[in-house]
Amino acid sequence: MDARFNLFENEIGMKFAKRFAGTGLVVQQSTLPKATQELVSLRVSQINGCGHCIDMHVKEAEAAGETAVRLHLVAAWRESTVFTEAEQAALALAEEGTRLADAQPGVSDETWAQVRKHYDDDQVAALISLVALMNAANRLAVITHQKGGSYEAGAFAAAFG
């Protein structure tokens, strides 16, 4: 299936994309560990079935030195031994924050307590913002049928950084 629409070839779409990318820079420049940012971005994108974003975040994580084993195990992080407690807390928040329609209480008190145990206020703000941004980015890409496979590491930063 071909892409339905190219937001970057539309004046309104491009204006939105530039502003959206700017909000993402706030998270990227935060003290939330870069590995955590990529793992969370990848997990949210997996849940939402966004091939374009999965492609982007796998390649960005690899370029930043993330191991193939950890990237392969993100989808099964609860059944893996390669993630720290802090990363597990972030991945739980990412899942619960993404699956709001599926979970009655939204983010559980247990998950929230784990997030607060491992991250300071600025990192929590960045983590919440990242989950929200990734869900929005996934929707933009899925609605317009953007496909994964052709992304090159660094391309997003080159276009919007």
N, C-alpha and C. Protein backbone atom coordinates (compact mmCIF):
# COMPACT_ATOMS: atom_id res chain seq x y z
N MET A 1 0.84 -1.18 0.00
CA MET A 1 0.00 0.00 0.00
C MET A 1 0.89 1.24 0.00
N ASP A 2 0.61 2.15 -0.89
CA ASP A 2 1.37 3.39 -0.97
C ASP A 2 0.91 4.37 0.09
N ALA A 3 1.80 5.32 0.38
CA ALA A 3 1.43 6.38 1.32
C ALA A 3 0.23 7.14 0.76
N ARG A 4 -0.66 7.51 1.65
CA ARG A 4 -1.87 8.23 1.25
C ARG A 4 -1.63 9.72 1.03
N PHE A 5 -0.73 10.27 1.82
CA PHE A 5 -0.59 11.73 1.85
C PHE A 5 0.79 12.05 2.39
N ASN A 6 1.42 13.05 1.83
CA ASN A 6 2.73 13.48 2.31
C ASN A 6 2.55 14.82 3.04
N LEU A 7 2.58 14.75 4.36
CA LEU A 7 2.42 15.97 5.16
C LEU A 7 3.50 17.00 4.86
N PHE A 8 4.68 16.52 4.47
CA PHE A 8 5.80 17.43 4.23
C PHE A 8 5.69 18.19 2.92
N GLU A 9 4.77 17.80 2.07
CA GLU A 9 4.55 18.51 0.81
C GLU A 9 3.35 19.45 0.89
N ASN A 10 2.82 19.62 2.09
CA ASN A 10 1.66 20.48 2.31
C ASN A 10 2.06 21.59 3.27
N GLU A 11 1.65 22.81 3.00
CA GLU A 11 2.06 23.95 3.83
C GLU A 11 1.65 23.78 5.29
N ILE A 12 0.42 23.42 5.52
CA ILE A 12 -0.04 23.24 6.91
C ILE A 12 0.66 22.05 7.55
N GLY A 13 0.77 20.96 6.80
CA GLY A 13 1.44 19.78 7.32
C GLY A 13 2.88 20.06 7.69
N MET A 14 3.58 20.82 6.87
CA MET A 14 4.99 21.13 7.15
C MET A 14 5.11 22.06 8.36
N LYS A 15 4.24 23.04 8.47
CA LYS A 15 4.25 23.92 9.64
C LYS A 15 4.04 23.11 10.91
N PHE A 16 3.08 22.20 10.87
CA PHE A 16 2.80 21.36 12.02
C PHE A 16 4.00 20.48 12.33
N ALA A 17 4.57 19.86 11.31
CA ALA A 17 5.71 18.96 11.51
C ALA A 17 6.89 19.68 12.16
N LYS A 18 7.16 20.90 11.74
CA LYS A 18 8.26 21.67 12.33
C LYS A 18 8.00 21.97 13.80
N ARG A 19 6.79 22.35 14.13
CA ARG A 19 6.46 22.64 15.52
C ARG A 19 6.47 21.36 16.36
N PHE A 20 5.95 20.29 15.79
CA PHE A 20 5.92 18.99 16.46
C PHE A 20 7.34 18.53 16.74
N ALA A 21 8.22 18.65 15.76
CA ALA A 21 9.62 18.26 15.93
C ALA A 21 10.27 19.10 17.02
N GLY A 22 9.90 20.37 17.09
CA GLY A 22 10.44 21.26 18.13
C GLY A 22 10.07 20.80 19.53
N THR A 23 8.86 20.29 19.68
CA THR A 23 8.47 19.79 21.00
C THR A 23 9.26 18.52 21.33
N GLY A 24 9.55 17.74 20.32
CA GLY A 24 10.36 16.54 20.53
C GLY A 24 11.77 16.87 20.98
N LEU A 25 12.30 18.01 20.55
CA LEU A 25 13.65 18.41 20.97
C LEU A 25 13.72 18.64 22.47
N VAL A 26 12.62 19.09 23.07
CA VAL A 26 12.59 19.29 24.52
C VAL A 26 12.88 17.97 25.22
N VAL A 27 12.25 16.91 24.75
CA VAL A 27 12.48 15.59 25.34
C VAL A 27 13.89 15.11 25.04
N GLN A 28 14.32 15.24 23.80
CA GLN A 28 15.65 14.77 23.40
C GLN A 28 16.75 15.45 24.20
N GLN A 29 16.55 16.71 24.55
CA GLN A 29 17.56 17.47 25.27
C GLN A 29 17.43 17.34 26.80
N SER A 30 16.48 16.56 27.25
CA SER A 30 16.28 16.37 28.69
C SER A 30 17.31 15.40 29.25
N THR A 31 17.25 15.19 30.55
CA THR A 31 18.17 14.25 31.21
C THR A 31 17.64 12.82 31.19
N LEU A 32 16.48 12.59 30.58
CA LEU A 32 16.00 11.22 30.43
C LEU A 32 17.00 10.49 29.55
N PRO A 33 17.56 9.37 30.01
CA PRO A 33 18.60 8.68 29.24
C PRO A 33 18.18 8.41 27.79
N LYS A 34 19.10 8.62 26.89
CA LYS A 34 18.82 8.43 25.45
C LYS A 34 18.36 7.00 25.15
N ALA A 35 18.97 6.03 25.81
CA ALA A 35 18.57 4.64 25.60
C ALA A 35 17.10 4.46 26.00
N THR A 36 16.72 5.04 27.11
CA THR A 36 15.33 4.95 27.56
C THR A 36 14.40 5.62 26.56
N GLN A 37 14.81 6.76 26.04
CA GLN A 37 13.98 7.46 25.05
C GLN A 37 13.73 6.57 23.84
N GLU A 38 14.75 5.92 23.34
CA GLU A 38 14.58 5.08 22.15
C GLU A 38 13.79 3.81 22.46
N LEU A 39 14.03 3.20 23.62
CA LEU A 39 13.27 1.99 23.99
C LEU A 39 11.79 2.31 24.13
N VAL A 40 11.47 3.42 24.78
CA VAL A 40 10.07 3.82 24.94
C VAL A 40 9.45 4.14 23.58
N SER A 41 10.16 4.87 22.76
CA SER A 41 9.65 5.21 21.42
C SER A 41 9.38 3.96 20.61
N LEU A 42 10.28 3.01 20.70
CA LEU A 42 10.13 1.75 19.98
C LEU A 42 8.92 0.98 20.50
N ARG A 43 8.77 0.88 21.82
CA ARG A 43 7.66 0.09 22.37
C ARG A 43 6.32 0.71 22.04
N VAL A 44 6.19 2.00 22.16
CA VAL A 44 4.92 2.67 21.80
C VAL A 44 4.61 2.41 20.33
N SER A 45 5.61 2.51 19.48
CA SER A 45 5.41 2.30 18.05
C SER A 45 5.05 0.85 17.73
N GLN A 46 5.61 -0.09 18.47
CA GLN A 46 5.23 -1.50 18.29
C GLN A 46 3.76 -1.71 18.62
N ILE A 47 3.33 -1.16 19.75
CA ILE A 47 1.94 -1.31 20.17
C ILE A 47 0.99 -0.72 19.13
N ASN A 48 1.36 0.42 18.57
CA ASN A 48 0.51 1.11 17.61
C ASN A 48 0.67 0.60 16.18
N GLY A 49 1.59 -0.33 15.96
CA GLY A 49 1.78 -0.89 14.62
C GLY A 49 2.30 0.10 13.61
N CYS A 50 3.17 1.00 14.05
CA CYS A 50 3.70 2.03 13.15
C CYS A 50 5.06 1.60 12.59
N GLY A 51 5.05 1.01 11.40
CA GLY A 51 6.28 0.54 10.78
C GLY A 51 7.30 1.64 10.55
N HIS A 52 6.83 2.81 10.16
CA HIS A 52 7.73 3.93 9.91
C HIS A 52 8.49 4.30 11.19
N CYS A 53 7.79 4.42 12.31
CA CYS A 53 8.42 4.82 13.56
C CYS A 53 9.26 3.70 14.16
N ILE A 54 8.84 2.46 14.00
CA ILE A 54 9.65 1.32 14.45
C ILE A 54 10.98 1.35 13.71
N ASP A 55 10.92 1.50 12.40
CA ASP A 55 12.13 1.58 11.57
C ASP A 55 13.04 2.70 12.07
N MET A 56 12.47 3.88 12.28
CA MET A 56 13.26 5.04 12.71
C MET A 56 13.93 4.78 14.05
N HIS A 57 13.18 4.30 15.02
CA HIS A 57 13.73 4.19 16.37
C HIS A 57 14.67 3.00 16.53
N VAL A 58 14.49 1.95 15.78
CA VAL A 58 15.47 0.86 15.79
C VAL A 58 16.79 1.38 15.23
N LYS A 59 16.73 2.08 14.12
CA LYS A 59 17.96 2.55 13.48
C LYS A 59 18.64 3.64 14.29
N GLU A 60 17.88 4.53 14.90
CA GLU A 60 18.47 5.56 15.76
C GLU A 60 19.10 4.92 16.99
N ALA A 61 18.43 3.93 17.56
CA ALA A 61 18.98 3.25 18.74
C ALA A 61 20.26 2.51 18.38
N GLU A 62 20.27 1.82 17.25
CA GLU A 62 21.48 1.11 16.80
C GLU A 62 22.62 2.09 16.59
N ALA A 63 22.33 3.22 15.96
CA ALA A 63 23.36 4.22 15.71
C ALA A 63 23.91 4.80 17.01
N ALA A 64 23.09 4.80 18.05
CA ALA A 64 23.53 5.31 19.35
C ALA A 64 24.21 4.23 20.19
N GLY A 65 24.35 3.02 19.62
CA GLY A 65 25.08 1.96 20.30
C GLY A 65 24.22 0.93 21.02
N GLU A 66 22.91 0.98 20.85
CA GLU A 66 22.04 0.00 21.50
C GLU A 66 22.30 -1.37 20.90
N THR A 67 22.21 -2.42 21.72
CA THR A 67 22.50 -3.78 21.25
C THR A 67 21.29 -4.38 20.55
N ALA A 68 21.57 -5.27 19.63
CA ALA A 68 20.51 -5.96 18.90
C ALA A 68 19.65 -6.80 19.85
N VAL A 69 20.27 -7.41 20.84
CA VAL A 69 19.51 -8.25 21.78
C VAL A 69 18.45 -7.42 22.49
N ARG A 70 18.82 -6.27 23.00
CA ARG A 70 17.85 -5.43 23.71
C ARG A 70 16.76 -4.94 22.77
N LEU A 71 17.11 -4.56 21.56
CA LEU A 71 16.10 -4.10 20.61
C LEU A 71 15.13 -5.22 20.25
N HIS A 72 15.65 -6.43 20.09
CA HIS A 72 14.78 -7.57 19.77
C HIS A 72 13.86 -7.93 20.92
N LEU A 73 14.28 -7.65 22.14
CA LEU A 73 13.50 -8.05 23.30
C LEU A 73 12.55 -6.97 23.84
N VAL A 74 12.53 -5.81 23.23
CA VAL A 74 11.64 -4.74 23.71
C VAL A 74 10.19 -5.20 23.76
N ALA A 75 9.74 -5.91 22.75
CA ALA A 75 8.34 -6.35 22.71
C ALA A 75 8.02 -7.34 23.83
N ALA A 76 9.03 -7.99 24.36
CA ALA A 76 8.84 -8.97 25.43
C ALA A 76 9.65 -8.56 26.67
N TRP A 77 9.68 -7.29 26.96
CA TRP A 77 10.54 -6.78 28.03
C TRP A 77 10.24 -7.40 29.39
N ARG A 78 8.99 -7.74 29.65
CA ARG A 78 8.64 -8.34 30.95
C ARG A 78 9.25 -9.74 31.11
N GLU A 79 9.52 -10.38 29.99
CA GLU A 79 10.07 -11.74 29.99
C GLU A 79 11.55 -11.74 29.64
N SER A 80 12.22 -10.63 29.92
CA SER A 80 13.63 -10.48 29.55
C SER A 80 14.45 -10.05 30.75
N THR A 81 15.74 -10.31 30.67
CA THR A 81 16.65 -9.96 31.76
C THR A 81 17.59 -8.82 31.40
N VAL A 82 17.39 -8.19 30.24
CA VAL A 82 18.37 -7.24 29.74
C VAL A 82 18.02 -5.77 30.01
N PHE A 83 16.92 -5.52 30.70
CA PHE A 83 16.51 -4.15 30.97
C PHE A 83 16.63 -3.84 32.46
N THR A 84 17.08 -2.64 32.78
CA THR A 84 17.20 -2.24 34.17
C THR A 84 15.80 -2.02 34.77
N GLU A 85 15.74 -1.93 36.09
CA GLU A 85 14.47 -1.64 36.74
C GLU A 85 13.90 -0.31 36.27
N ALA A 86 14.75 0.67 36.09
CA ALA A 86 14.30 1.98 35.61
C ALA A 86 13.72 1.86 34.20
N GLU A 87 14.39 1.14 33.33
CA GLU A 87 13.88 0.95 31.97
C GLU A 87 12.56 0.18 31.99
N GLN A 88 12.45 -0.81 32.85
CA GLN A 88 11.20 -1.55 32.97
C GLN A 88 10.06 -0.64 33.41
N ALA A 89 10.34 0.26 34.34
CA ALA A 89 9.32 1.21 34.79
C ALA A 89 8.89 2.11 33.64
N ALA A 90 9.86 2.58 32.86
CA ALA A 90 9.54 3.45 31.71
C ALA A 90 8.75 2.68 30.66
N LEU A 91 9.10 1.45 30.40
CA LEU A 91 8.38 0.64 29.42
C LEU A 91 6.96 0.33 29.90
N ALA A 92 6.78 0.10 31.19
CA ALA A 92 5.44 -0.12 31.73
C ALA A 92 4.59 1.14 31.56
N LEU A 93 5.17 2.29 31.86
CA LEU A 93 4.44 3.55 31.68
C LEU A 93 4.08 3.76 30.21
N ALA A 94 5.03 3.45 29.34
CA ALA A 94 4.79 3.59 27.90
C ALA A 94 3.61 2.72 27.47
N GLU A 95 3.59 1.48 27.91
CA GLU A 95 2.50 0.58 27.53
C GLU A 95 1.16 1.03 28.11
N GLU A 96 1.15 1.33 29.39
CA GLU A 96 -0.11 1.72 30.03
C GLU A 96 -0.60 3.07 29.51
N GLY A 97 0.31 3.97 29.23
CA GLY A 97 -0.06 5.28 28.69
C GLY A 97 -0.51 5.21 27.24
N THR A 98 -0.10 4.18 26.53
CA THR A 98 -0.50 3.99 25.14
C THR A 98 -1.83 3.24 25.05
N ARG A 99 -2.04 2.34 25.95
CA ARG A 99 -3.25 1.50 25.93
C ARG A 99 -4.35 2.05 26.82
N LEU A 100 -4.52 3.34 26.83
CA LEU A 100 -5.52 3.96 27.71
C LEU A 100 -6.92 3.41 27.47
N ALA A 101 -7.27 3.17 26.25
CA ALA A 101 -8.61 2.68 25.95
C ALA A 101 -8.80 1.24 26.43
N ASP A 102 -7.72 0.51 26.61
CA ASP A 102 -7.79 -0.89 27.01
C ASP A 102 -7.72 -1.07 28.52
N ALA A 103 -7.23 -0.08 29.23
CA ALA A 103 -7.01 -0.22 30.67
C ALA A 103 -7.95 0.71 31.44
N GLN A 104 -8.75 0.15 32.28
CA GLN A 104 -9.72 0.94 33.04
C GLN A 104 -9.07 2.09 33.82
N PRO A 105 -8.04 1.80 34.62
CA PRO A 105 -7.47 2.89 35.42
C PRO A 105 -6.40 3.71 34.70
N GLY A 106 -6.07 3.35 33.47
CA GLY A 106 -4.97 4.03 32.78
C GLY A 106 -3.65 3.54 33.34
N VAL A 107 -2.80 4.44 33.79
CA VAL A 107 -1.52 4.07 34.38
C VAL A 107 -1.76 3.65 35.83
N SER A 108 -1.32 2.46 36.15
CA SER A 108 -1.55 1.92 37.49
C SER A 108 -0.71 2.64 38.55
N ASP A 109 -1.17 2.57 39.78
CA ASP A 109 -0.42 3.15 40.90
C ASP A 109 0.93 2.45 41.05
N GLU A 110 0.97 1.15 40.80
CA GLU A 110 2.23 0.40 40.91
C GLU A 110 3.25 0.91 39.88
N THR A 111 2.81 1.07 38.65
CA THR A 111 3.72 1.58 37.61
C THR A 111 4.17 2.99 37.96
N TRP A 112 3.23 3.82 38.39
CA TRP A 112 3.58 5.21 38.73
C TRP A 112 4.61 5.24 39.85
N ALA A 113 4.44 4.39 40.86
CA ALA A 113 5.39 4.34 41.97
C ALA A 113 6.78 3.93 41.49
N GLN A 114 6.84 2.99 40.55
CA GLN A 114 8.13 2.57 40.01
C GLN A 114 8.79 3.69 39.20
N VAL A 115 8.00 4.40 38.43
CA VAL A 115 8.53 5.53 37.65
C VAL A 115 9.09 6.58 38.61
N ARG A 116 8.35 6.91 39.64
CA ARG A 116 8.79 7.94 40.60
C ARG A 116 10.03 7.49 41.37
N LYS A 117 10.17 6.20 41.57
CA LYS A 117 11.34 5.65 42.27
C LYS A 117 12.62 5.86 41.47
N HIS A 118 12.51 5.80 40.15
CA HIS A 118 13.70 5.79 39.31
C HIS A 118 13.99 7.10 38.57
N TYR A 119 13.03 7.99 38.49
CA TYR A 119 13.22 9.20 37.69
C TYR A 119 12.88 10.45 38.50
N ASP A 120 13.66 11.51 38.27
CA ASP A 120 13.37 12.78 38.94
C ASP A 120 12.25 13.51 38.20
N ASP A 121 11.83 14.65 38.71
CA ASP A 121 10.69 15.37 38.14
C ASP A 121 10.88 15.72 36.67
N ASP A 122 12.07 16.20 36.31
CA ASP A 122 12.31 16.56 34.91
C ASP A 122 12.26 15.33 34.01
N GLN A 123 12.78 14.23 34.47
CA GLN A 123 12.76 13.00 33.69
C GLN A 123 11.34 12.45 33.57
N VAL A 124 10.56 12.57 34.63
CA VAL A 124 9.15 12.13 34.58
C VAL A 124 8.39 12.98 33.57
N ALA A 125 8.61 14.28 33.60
CA ALA A 125 7.94 15.16 32.64
C ALA A 125 8.34 14.79 31.21
N ALA A 126 9.62 14.51 31.01
CA ALA A 126 10.10 14.12 29.67
C ALA A 126 9.50 12.78 29.25
N LEU A 127 9.41 11.85 30.18
CA LEU A 127 8.87 10.52 29.88
C LEU A 127 7.39 10.60 29.51
N ILE A 128 6.62 11.33 30.27
CA ILE A 128 5.19 11.51 29.96
C ILE A 128 5.04 12.19 28.60
N SER A 129 5.82 13.23 28.37
CA SER A 129 5.76 13.95 27.09
C SER A 129 6.14 13.05 25.93
N LEU A 130 7.15 12.21 26.13
CA LEU A 130 7.59 11.30 25.07
C LEU A 130 6.49 10.30 24.72
N VAL A 131 5.84 9.74 25.71
CA VAL A 131 4.75 8.79 25.44
C VAL A 131 3.65 9.49 24.64
N ALA A 132 3.29 10.69 25.03
CA ALA A 132 2.26 11.44 24.30
C ALA A 132 2.70 11.76 22.88
N LEU A 133 3.93 12.23 22.73
CA LEU A 133 4.45 12.57 21.40
C LEU A 133 4.51 11.36 20.48
N MET A 134 4.98 10.24 21.02
CA MET A 134 5.10 9.04 20.18
C MET A 134 3.73 8.54 19.74
N ASN A 135 2.76 8.59 20.62
CA ASN A 135 1.42 8.19 20.23
C ASN A 135 0.89 9.09 19.12
N ALA A 136 1.15 10.38 19.22
CA ALA A 136 0.72 11.31 18.17
C ALA A 136 1.47 11.05 16.86
N ALA A 137 2.79 10.86 16.95
CA ALA A 137 3.59 10.59 15.76
C ALA A 137 3.13 9.30 15.08
N ASN A 138 2.85 8.27 15.87
CA ASN A 138 2.37 7.01 15.31
C ASN A 138 1.07 7.22 14.56
N ARG A 139 0.18 8.00 15.12
CA ARG A 139 -1.10 8.24 14.45
C ARG A 139 -0.92 8.99 13.14
N LEU A 140 -0.04 9.97 13.13
CA LEU A 140 0.22 10.70 11.88
C LEU A 140 0.73 9.74 10.80
N ALA A 141 1.67 8.88 11.17
CA ALA A 141 2.27 7.97 10.19
C ALA A 141 1.32 6.86 9.77
N VAL A 142 0.56 6.32 10.72
CA VAL A 142 -0.35 5.22 10.39
C VAL A 142 -1.52 5.73 9.54
N ILE A 143 -2.09 6.87 9.90
CA ILE A 143 -3.21 7.43 9.13
C ILE A 143 -2.81 7.68 7.68
N THR A 144 -1.58 8.15 7.47
CA THR A 144 -1.13 8.47 6.11
C THR A 144 -0.41 7.31 5.43
N HIS A 145 -0.36 6.16 6.09
CA HIS A 145 0.27 4.93 5.55
C HIS A 145 1.76 5.11 5.23
N GLN A 146 2.50 5.71 6.14
CA GLN A 146 3.95 5.80 5.97
C GLN A 146 4.55 4.44 6.29
N LYS A 147 5.40 3.96 5.46
CA LYS A 147 5.96 2.61 5.60
C LYS A 147 7.36 2.64 6.19
N GLY A 148 7.73 1.57 6.86
CA GLY A 148 9.06 1.43 7.40
C GLY A 148 9.99 0.77 6.39
N GLY A 149 11.28 0.96 6.62
CA GLY A 149 12.27 0.28 5.81
C GLY A 149 13.29 1.19 5.16
N SER A 150 12.93 2.42 4.87
CA SER A 150 13.86 3.27 4.14
C SER A 150 14.50 4.37 4.99
N TYR A 151 14.17 4.42 6.26
CA TYR A 151 14.73 5.46 7.12
C TYR A 151 16.23 5.25 7.30
N GLU A 152 16.97 6.36 7.33
CA GLU A 152 18.40 6.32 7.60
C GLU A 152 18.68 7.08 8.88
N ALA A 153 19.45 6.47 9.78
CA ALA A 153 19.76 7.10 11.06
C ALA A 153 20.27 8.51 10.86
N GLY A 154 19.74 9.42 11.66
CA GLY A 154 20.15 10.83 11.59
C GLY A 154 19.31 11.68 10.68
N ALA A 155 18.45 11.07 9.88
CA ALA A 155 17.65 11.83 8.90
C ALA A 155 16.69 12.79 9.58
N PHE A 156 16.07 12.36 10.68
CA PHE A 156 15.11 13.23 11.37
C PHE A 156 15.82 14.46 11.93
N ALA A 157 16.97 14.24 12.57
CA ALA A 157 17.73 15.35 13.13
C ALA A 157 18.22 16.29 12.04
N ALA A 158 18.60 15.73 10.91
CA ALA A 158 19.07 16.57 9.80
C ALA A 158 17.94 17.43 9.25
N ALA A 159 16.72 16.88 9.23
CA ALA A 159 15.60 17.63 8.67
C ALA A 159 15.04 18.65 9.65
N PHE A 160 15.06 18.31 10.95
CA PHE A 160 14.38 19.16 11.92
C PHE A 160 15.25 19.63 13.08
N GLY A 161 16.48 19.12 13.17
CA GLY A 161 17.34 19.44 14.32
C GLY A 161 17.97 20.73 14.26
